[in-house]
Protein backbone atom coordinates (compact mmCIF):
# COMPACT_ATOMS: atom_id res chain seq x y z
CA MET A 1 -18.20 25.52 3.02
CA THR A 2 -18.62 28.40 -0.14
CA PHE A 3 -15.24 27.66 -1.13
CA PRO A 4 -12.74 25.09 -1.71
CA LEU A 5 -9.99 24.09 0.24
CA ILE A 6 -6.35 24.23 -1.30
CA PHE A 7 -4.26 20.76 -0.89
CA TYR A 8 -0.30 21.44 -1.50
CA TYR A 9 -0.33 17.90 -3.49
CA HIS A 10 3.22 17.43 -2.96
CA ARG A 11 4.71 14.32 -4.49
CA LEU A 12 6.07 12.63 -0.70
CA ASN A 13 2.08 14.06 0.45
CA SER A 14 -0.22 12.80 -2.08
CA TYR A 15 -1.15 9.63 -0.90
CA SER A 16 -1.99 11.30 2.10
CA PHE A 17 -4.62 14.00 0.29
CA ASN A 18 -6.03 11.06 -1.52
CA ALA A 19 -6.97 9.51 1.57
CA LEU A 20 -8.11 13.01 3.36
CA ALA A 21 -10.29 13.25 -0.16
CA GLY A 22 -12.02 9.97 0.34
CA ALA A 23 -12.53 10.69 4.21
CA ILE A 24 -14.91 13.92 3.05
CA ASP A 25 -16.68 12.05 0.54
CA ALA A 26 -17.50 9.83 3.00
CA ASN A 27 -19.13 12.18 4.79
CA PRO A 28 -22.56 13.48 3.61
CA SER A 29 -22.38 17.01 4.75
CA LEU A 30 -18.89 18.03 3.14
CA SER A 31 -19.07 15.71 0.18
CA ASN A 32 -20.17 18.74 -2.44
CA LEU A 33 -16.75 20.46 -0.79
CA SER A 34 -14.57 21.47 -3.62
CA VAL A 35 -10.91 21.10 -3.58
CA ASP A 36 -8.32 23.03 -5.50
CA ILE A 37 -4.79 21.31 -6.27
CA ALA A 38 -1.56 22.87 -6.29
CA LEU A 39 1.71 20.87 -6.81
CA THR A 40 4.18 23.35 -5.95
CA ALA A 41 4.72 26.19 -3.02
CA GLU A 42 4.08 29.21 -5.84
CA GLU A 43 0.58 27.31 -6.82
CA VAL A 44 -0.48 27.10 -3.19
CA ARG A 45 -0.23 30.94 -2.51
CA THR A 46 -1.58 31.88 -6.04
CA LEU A 47 -4.58 29.82 -5.28
CA ALA A 48 -4.94 31.14 -1.84
CA ALA A 49 -4.89 34.86 -3.61
CA VAL A 50 -7.65 33.91 -5.80
CA ASN A 51 -9.91 32.23 -2.90
CA LEU A 52 -9.52 35.34 -0.63
CA SER A 53 -10.30 37.40 -4.02
CA ARG A 54 -13.42 35.73 -4.56
CA TYR A 55 -14.49 34.14 -1.13
CA GLY A 56 -13.06 36.43 1.40
CA ARG A 57 -11.35 33.11 2.54
CA ALA A 58 -8.78 30.42 1.94
CA MET A 59 -8.21 27.41 3.65
CA VAL A 60 -4.84 25.92 2.70
CA CYS A 61 -4.01 22.17 3.93
CA LEU A 62 -0.61 20.66 4.55
CA SER A 63 0.88 17.22 4.72
CA ILE A 64 4.40 17.49 6.59
CA MET A 65 7.54 15.10 6.77
CA THR A 66 10.13 15.70 8.92
CA CYS A 67 12.32 15.97 5.65
CA GLN A 68 9.92 18.72 4.63
CA LEU A 69 10.12 20.65 7.51
CA PRO A 70 12.40 23.76 6.53
CA GLU A 71 10.09 23.89 3.20
CA MET A 72 6.94 23.69 4.90
CA ARG A 73 8.14 26.54 6.97
CA HIS A 74 9.08 28.38 4.54
CA LEU A 75 5.87 28.51 2.93
CA ILE A 76 4.07 29.01 5.71
CA ARG A 77 6.22 32.15 6.95
CA GLN A 78 5.40 33.29 3.08
CA LEU A 79 1.59 33.17 3.63
CA ARG A 80 1.45 34.76 6.82
CA SER A 81 3.20 37.59 5.14
CA ASP A 82 0.82 37.70 1.85
CA PHE A 83 -2.08 37.04 4.13
CA GLY A 84 -1.84 37.26 7.58
CA SER A 85 -4.81 35.67 9.59
CA ARG A 86 -6.65 35.91 6.94
CA ILE A 87 -6.07 32.43 5.41
CA THR A 88 -6.38 29.11 7.73
CA ILE A 89 -3.57 26.69 7.48
CA ILE A 90 -4.36 23.22 8.50
CA ALA A 91 -1.52 20.98 8.97
CA GLY A 92 -1.09 17.08 9.99
CA GLY A 93 1.26 14.30 8.85
CA PRO A 94 4.18 12.68 10.71
CA HIS A 95 6.41 15.35 11.70
CA VAL A 96 3.02 17.10 13.02
CA THR A 97 2.12 13.99 14.36
CA ALA A 98 5.01 14.00 16.75
CA CYS A 99 6.09 17.62 17.06
CA ALA A 100 2.93 19.32 16.81
CA GLU A 101 3.55 22.33 18.71
CA GLU A 102 6.76 22.84 16.70
CA VAL A 103 4.18 23.22 13.78
CA ILE A 104 1.85 25.48 15.74
CA ALA A 105 4.48 27.66 16.83
CA ALA A 106 5.73 27.91 13.07
CA GLY A 107 2.23 29.50 12.20
CA VAL A 108 -0.12 26.76 11.49
CA ASP A 109 -4.00 26.94 12.95
CA SER A 110 -4.97 23.66 13.59
CA ALA A 111 -2.19 20.57 13.88
CA LEU A 112 -4.27 17.11 13.37
CA ARG A 113 -2.09 14.39 15.04
CA SER A 114 -1.92 10.61 13.81
CA GLU A 115 -4.37 9.38 11.33
CA ALA A 116 -6.75 12.26 10.14
CA GLU A 117 -9.89 10.51 8.49
CA VAL A 118 -12.21 11.29 11.41
CA ASN A 119 -10.61 14.74 12.89
CA PHE A 120 -9.94 16.20 9.90
CA PRO A 121 -13.55 16.80 8.46
CA GLU A 122 -14.63 16.99 11.79
CA THR A 123 -12.90 20.06 11.78
CA LEU A 124 -13.95 21.54 8.91
CA GLN A 125 -17.71 20.74 10.30
CA ARG A 126 -16.77 23.01 13.05
CA PHE A 127 -14.65 25.61 10.94
CA ALA A 128 -17.82 25.93 8.31
CA GLU A 129 -20.56 26.41 11.20
CA GLY A 130 -18.22 29.07 12.52
CA GLU A 131 -17.03 27.42 16.13
CA GLN A 132 -13.74 27.84 17.63
CA PHE A 133 -11.03 26.42 15.42
CA PRO A 134 -9.34 23.88 17.42
CA VAL A 135 -5.86 23.78 17.76
CA ILE A 136 -4.59 20.13 18.58
CA GLN A 137 -6.26 17.48 17.63
CA SER A 138 -5.74 13.56 18.28
CA PRO A 139 -8.16 10.97 17.30
CA GLU A 140 -9.60 8.97 20.05
CA ASN A 141 -9.82 5.77 18.90
CA PRO A 142 -7.33 4.52 15.92
CA VAL A 143 -9.29 4.59 12.88
CA ASP A 144 -11.69 1.79 11.29
CA ILE A 145 -10.14 2.08 7.98
CA ASP A 146 -12.77 -0.45 6.21
CA ALA A 147 -15.01 3.10 6.68
CA PHE A 148 -13.09 4.69 4.19
CA SER A 149 -11.76 4.69 0.80
CA SER A 150 -7.48 5.02 0.04
CA PHE A 151 -8.62 7.87 -2.60
CA SER A 152 -11.25 9.86 -4.46
CA PRO A 153 -12.60 8.83 -7.74
CA LYS A 154 -15.11 11.92 -7.96
CA ARG A 155 -12.43 14.19 -7.65
CA GLY A 156 -9.77 12.39 -9.94
CA MET A 157 -7.12 11.94 -6.91
CA PHE A 158 -6.02 8.12 -7.21
CA GLY A 159 -3.19 6.13 -5.84
CA PRO A 160 -2.57 2.41 -4.24
CA ILE A 161 -4.72 0.93 -2.64
CA GLU A 162 -4.14 0.39 1.32
CA ILE A 163 -4.84 -2.85 2.42
CA THR A 164 -3.38 -2.75 6.38
CA ARG A 165 -2.09 -0.32 8.42
CA GLY A 166 0.32 -0.82 11.43
CA CYS A 167 3.47 -2.45 11.63
CA ALA A 168 4.63 -5.20 14.81
CA PHE A 169 8.36 -4.70 14.32
CA ALA A 170 9.00 -0.93 15.22
CA CYS A 171 12.58 -0.88 14.08
CA ARG A 172 14.15 1.64 15.75
CA TYR A 173 14.00 4.40 12.60
CA CYS A 174 10.82 4.30 11.73
CA GLN A 175 7.65 5.99 12.62
CA THR A 176 5.42 3.94 11.13
CA SER A 177 4.95 1.89 14.38
CA HIS A 178 4.60 5.09 16.44
CA ILE A 179 2.20 6.64 13.87
CA PHE A 180 -0.60 4.01 13.37
CA GLY A 181 0.50 1.42 16.21
CA VAL A 182 1.62 -2.33 16.00
CA THR A 183 -1.62 -3.58 15.80
CA LEU A 184 -2.43 -4.19 12.51
CA ARG A 185 -5.92 -2.97 10.93
CA HIS A 186 -6.80 -4.96 7.63
CA ARG A 187 -9.29 -3.23 4.98
CA SER A 188 -11.93 -6.20 4.49
CA ILE A 189 -11.24 -7.65 0.95
CA GLY A 190 -15.07 -6.27 0.15
CA ASN A 191 -13.71 -2.91 0.16
CA ILE A 192 -10.56 -3.87 -1.26
CA VAL A 193 -12.71 -4.81 -4.19
CA ARG A 194 -14.98 -1.84 -4.23
CA GLN A 195 -12.09 0.50 -4.97
CA ALA A 196 -10.40 -1.56 -7.44
CA GLU A 197 -13.94 -1.34 -9.28
CA ALA A 198 -13.36 1.45 -9.06
CA LEU A 199 -10.39 2.13 -10.99
CA ARG A 200 -12.04 -0.10 -13.49
CA SER A 201 -15.06 1.94 -13.85
CA ILE A 202 -12.89 4.67 -15.14
CA ASN A 203 -10.70 2.56 -17.44
CA ARG A 204 -7.51 2.56 -14.81
CA LYS A 205 -6.06 -1.03 -15.33
CA VAL A 206 -3.46 -1.22 -12.64
CA VAL A 207 -4.17 -1.62 -8.94
CA ARG A 208 -1.40 -0.78 -6.53
CA LEU A 209 -1.43 -2.29 -3.01
CA LEU A 210 0.04 -0.54 -0.10
CA SER A 211 1.47 -1.62 3.22
CA PRO A 212 3.97 -1.35 5.23
CA ASN A 213 4.99 -4.94 5.11
CA ALA A 214 3.17 -6.47 1.84
CA PHE A 215 2.63 -10.23 3.09
CA SER A 216 1.31 -8.83 6.32
CA TYR A 217 -2.09 -8.72 5.20
CA GLY A 218 -4.49 -11.19 7.22
CA SER A 219 -1.98 -11.59 10.02
CA GLU A 220 -2.92 -11.28 13.50
CA ASP A 221 0.32 -10.08 14.68
CA GLY A 222 1.79 -8.74 11.63
CA ARG A 223 4.87 -11.80 12.00
CA HIS A 224 3.29 -14.76 10.80
CA LEU A 225 1.64 -15.24 7.36
CA ASN A 226 -1.82 -15.70 6.94
CA LEU A 227 -1.73 -17.21 3.73
CA ASN A 228 -5.20 -18.00 3.18
CA ALA A 229 -6.12 -14.08 3.66
CA ILE A 230 -3.49 -13.06 1.02
CA ARG A 231 -4.91 -15.44 -1.47
CA GLU A 232 -8.50 -14.81 -0.82
CA LEU A 233 -7.77 -11.52 -1.51
CA LEU A 234 -5.49 -11.75 -4.45
CA ALA A 235 -7.83 -14.12 -5.89
CA ALA A 236 -10.81 -11.56 -5.67
CA LEU A 237 -8.94 -8.82 -7.28
CA ARG A 238 -8.18 -10.81 -9.73
CA GLU A 239 -11.64 -11.52 -10.62
CA THR A 240 -12.47 -7.89 -10.55
CA VAL A 241 -10.05 -6.43 -12.89
CA THR A 242 -9.91 -9.40 -15.03
CA ALA A 243 -7.03 -10.29 -17.47
CA LYS A 244 -7.08 -6.98 -18.69
CA GLY A 245 -5.71 -5.24 -15.64
CA LYS A 246 -2.69 -5.51 -13.36
CA ILE A 247 -2.22 -6.37 -9.63
CA ILE A 248 0.76 -4.95 -8.15
CA PHE A 249 1.75 -6.70 -4.61
CA ALA A 250 4.92 -5.89 -2.86
CA HIS A 251 6.48 -3.16 -4.90
CA PHE A 252 6.64 0.50 -4.54
CA PRO A 253 5.26 2.17 -2.27
CA SER A 254 4.83 -1.15 -0.07
CA GLU A 255 7.96 -3.76 0.25
CA ALA A 256 8.36 -7.03 1.79
CA ARG A 257 10.45 -8.31 4.57
CA PRO A 258 13.17 -10.89 3.48
CA GLU A 259 12.03 -13.77 5.68
CA HIS A 260 8.44 -13.58 3.86
CA ILE A 261 9.75 -14.16 0.43
CA THR A 262 9.03 -17.95 0.80
CA PRO A 263 8.18 -20.19 -2.13
CA ASP A 264 4.53 -20.19 -0.79
CA THR A 265 4.22 -16.44 -1.23
CA LEU A 266 6.23 -16.62 -4.24
CA ASN A 267 3.55 -19.17 -5.93
CA LEU A 268 1.33 -16.70 -4.88
CA LEU A 269 2.12 -13.34 -6.45
CA LYS A 270 2.99 -15.90 -9.63
CA GLU A 271 -0.26 -17.06 -9.59
CA PHE A 272 -2.05 -13.84 -9.35
CA ALA A 273 -0.35 -10.45 -9.58
CA ASP A 274 1.38 -9.05 -12.29
CA ASN A 275 4.46 -7.03 -10.63
CA ASP A 276 8.26 -8.35 -12.44
CA GLU A 277 10.38 -6.93 -9.76
CA ILE A 278 9.90 -7.11 -5.85
CA VAL A 279 11.41 -4.83 -3.37
CA ILE A 280 12.45 -6.01 -0.07
CA GLY A 281 14.00 -3.99 2.89
CA ALA A 282 17.19 -5.42 4.17
CA GLN A 283 18.29 -2.15 5.72
CA SER A 284 22.29 -3.37 6.77
CA GLY A 285 24.59 -6.47 6.17
CA SER A 286 25.69 -6.50 9.45
CA ASP A 287 23.71 -8.64 11.63
CA ARG A 288 24.71 -6.20 14.83
CA MET A 289 23.15 -3.63 13.14
CA LEU A 290 19.92 -5.50 12.10
CA GLU A 291 19.47 -6.73 15.84
CA ALA A 292 20.60 -2.95 16.70
CA CYS A 293 17.48 -1.50 14.49
CA ARG A 294 15.48 -4.69 15.68
CA ARG A 295 14.48 -5.21 12.22
CA SER A 296 14.09 -8.87 13.30
CA HIS A 297 15.59 -10.79 10.37
CA THR A 298 19.06 -11.46 9.69
CA VAL A 299 21.22 -11.26 6.45
CA GLU A 300 21.23 -14.51 5.79
CA ASN A 301 17.61 -14.13 5.31
CA VAL A 302 17.96 -11.50 2.69
CA LEU A 303 20.77 -13.23 0.37
CA THR A 304 18.09 -16.01 0.68
CA ALA A 305 15.21 -14.07 -0.50
CA VAL A 306 17.08 -12.30 -3.01
CA SER A 307 18.71 -16.16 -4.45
CA ARG A 308 14.84 -17.02 -4.33
CA LEU A 309 13.48 -14.33 -5.85
CA ARG A 310 15.94 -14.65 -8.93
CA LYS A 311 15.17 -17.99 -9.02
CA TYR A 312 11.47 -17.40 -9.67
CA GLY A 313 12.52 -14.83 -12.57
CA TYR A 314 12.08 -11.53 -10.61
CA LYS A 315 13.82 -8.56 -11.13
CA VAL A 316 14.50 -7.14 -7.37
CA ILE A 317 15.30 -4.02 -5.58
CA VAL A 318 16.98 -3.95 -1.97
CA ASP A 319 16.84 -1.28 0.01
CA PHE A 320 19.71 -0.02 2.57
CA ILE A 321 20.54 2.60 4.83
CA PHE A 322 23.68 3.94 5.50
CA GLY A 323 24.93 6.15 8.20
CA LEU A 324 22.87 4.27 10.90
CA PRO A 325 23.38 4.73 14.74
CA GLY A 326 26.42 2.82 16.01
CA GLU A 327 27.78 1.94 12.61
CA THR A 328 31.24 0.81 12.62
CA GLU A 329 33.55 0.84 9.71
CA SER A 330 33.08 -2.82 10.07
CA ASP A 331 29.44 -3.18 10.00
CA MET A 332 29.85 -1.09 6.47
CA ARG A 333 32.41 -3.28 4.61
CA ALA A 334 30.01 -6.12 5.56
CA THR A 335 27.46 -4.48 4.24
CA LEU A 336 29.54 -3.67 1.30
CA ALA A 337 30.50 -7.03 1.10
CA VAL A 338 26.37 -8.44 1.40
CA ILE A 339 25.63 -5.64 -1.28
CA GLU A 340 28.48 -7.48 -3.46
CA GLN A 341 26.92 -10.66 -3.40
CA LEU A 342 23.27 -9.14 -4.40
CA VAL A 343 24.52 -6.82 -7.15
CA ARG A 344 26.62 -10.72 -8.22
CA LEU A 345 22.87 -12.05 -8.07
CA GLY A 346 21.43 -9.59 -10.48
CA ALA A 347 19.81 -7.70 -7.61
CA ARG A 348 19.57 -3.68 -7.52
CA ILE A 349 20.33 -1.75 -4.30
CA HIS A 350 18.51 1.11 -3.41
CA PRO A 351 20.91 3.71 -0.86
CA HIS A 352 20.08 5.42 1.82
CA ILE A 353 21.24 7.91 4.42
CA PHE A 354 19.77 7.71 7.52
CA THR A 355 17.59 10.49 9.19
CA PRO A 356 16.22 10.82 12.68
CA LEU A 357 12.97 10.73 13.01
CA PRO A 358 11.03 12.18 15.70
CA GLN A 359 9.38 9.18 18.33
CA THR A 360 11.89 7.04 16.69
CA ALA A 361 14.15 5.34 19.66
CA PHE A 362 17.02 6.41 17.08
CA SER A 363 15.47 10.23 17.11
CA GLY A 364 17.97 11.81 19.09
CA GLU A 365 20.76 10.73 17.07
CA GLN A 366 23.33 12.23 14.47
CA ALA A 367 21.84 12.06 11.09
CA GLY A 368 24.09 10.05 8.96
CA SER A 369 26.41 9.88 6.09
CA ILE A 370 27.81 8.26 3.37
CA SER A 371 32.06 8.03 3.56
CA PRO A 372 34.15 8.17 0.54
CA VAL A 373 34.93 4.16 0.86
CA VAL A 374 30.88 3.45 0.31
CA LEU A 375 31.23 6.41 -2.17
CA GLU A 376 33.27 4.55 -4.38
CA ALA A 377 31.68 1.36 -3.70
CA LEU A 378 28.51 2.01 -5.03
CA GLU A 379 29.93 3.74 -7.83
CA ARG A 380 31.34 0.66 -8.57
CA PHE A 381 28.32 -1.43 -8.37
CA ARG A 382 26.44 1.24 -10.26
CA SER A 383 28.75 0.27 -13.59
CA GLN A 384 27.47 -2.97 -13.16
CA ARG A 385 23.91 -1.58 -13.11
CA GLY A 386 23.69 -2.19 -9.36
CA VAL A 387 22.29 0.72 -8.30
CA TYR A 388 19.85 3.40 -9.36
CA GLU A 389 21.10 5.14 -12.16
CA ASN A 390 20.03 8.57 -10.58
CA TRP A 391 20.64 7.88 -6.70
CA LYS A 392 23.12 10.82 -6.29
CA ALA A 393 21.35 13.40 -7.68
CA GLN A 394 18.11 12.36 -5.30
CA ARG A 395 16.84 15.01 -3.14
CA PRO A 396 17.49 14.69 0.74
CA GLU A 397 14.30 13.53 1.87
CA ASP A 398 14.76 10.59 -0.73
CA PHE A 399 17.50 9.47 1.20
CA GLY A 400 15.47 8.99 4.56
CA LEU A 401 12.98 6.69 5.44
CA THR A 402 9.88 8.21 6.67
């Protein structure tokens, strides 16, 4: 290809594009392909105009979450209005995986469902060779994540190292298990270490590890811990980054399940990792709602986890979802009572509003809302430094778990 791709490198999609860039790098026939990075929709339009002027062609690549659909639809309409069929638009991401036909109808040329490390380079190759542009593609088999990198050093596109893909729990509000499956795929330690070495070689001192469930690494079923595998991974990374580097594990953009916060896992963190804060997913303070969401843990697990983390000296962030389907006033008050206990323990609460996502068991439910009672309580907790200071200033997509 004689012209660069345009990646809409939105803050919500940057990790996906890092992985796609790594997939391009792994394809010998495309490894020299250049990529233009657009940080805003206006930059996308500007770069499209520049590429059409210089090369007579432009290809825009979008990754779309459900919460981004209105914004992306607007951008697609603008691009078609400005440039018509002279540009090619490829889209992937969670919403495209679930609703590819809807995105095609919005004006996208090609929709890549599910994982795209294989299909994306193949699509580019076909386009470069003048073949008919495929409309909707789905991978034939789960991607071998060990064959790719989580980012692209040669393009300066860096981010966390994905260590595990898939989630065994399939919570009723979450798309992860539907997109990546309930059978976990773990990246090999050798591959993870090579990526850490790439970061160290350009003097990047922080290695963040990405996983739907931090302590699931090496687990066969995703539910029972493989402490030996976790130890082997963290020990190898510590040797690689040395004492000058930092390993961030069980923190954003990952989280830990409360029942996996045990003395064994915490001792491993203390020995090898550097973060002083842990993120855990509680989602509700009502056991009835936890069961309805298929969370597979209890309120007591949450309280025990936070208490244990605090005794080990960790700061704690706890995610909660408000407005879940079927939530009653009794459930809501139970959640607020649990939050009060957690704040007293020294935890900070990260509130989210329920957002129905396609493919999930709750896809047909109404979006949630925060009642005045909850707002008042959260304001009170905020005054005690128990809630994110800027939580009310978050954009709507920040409230939805994707």
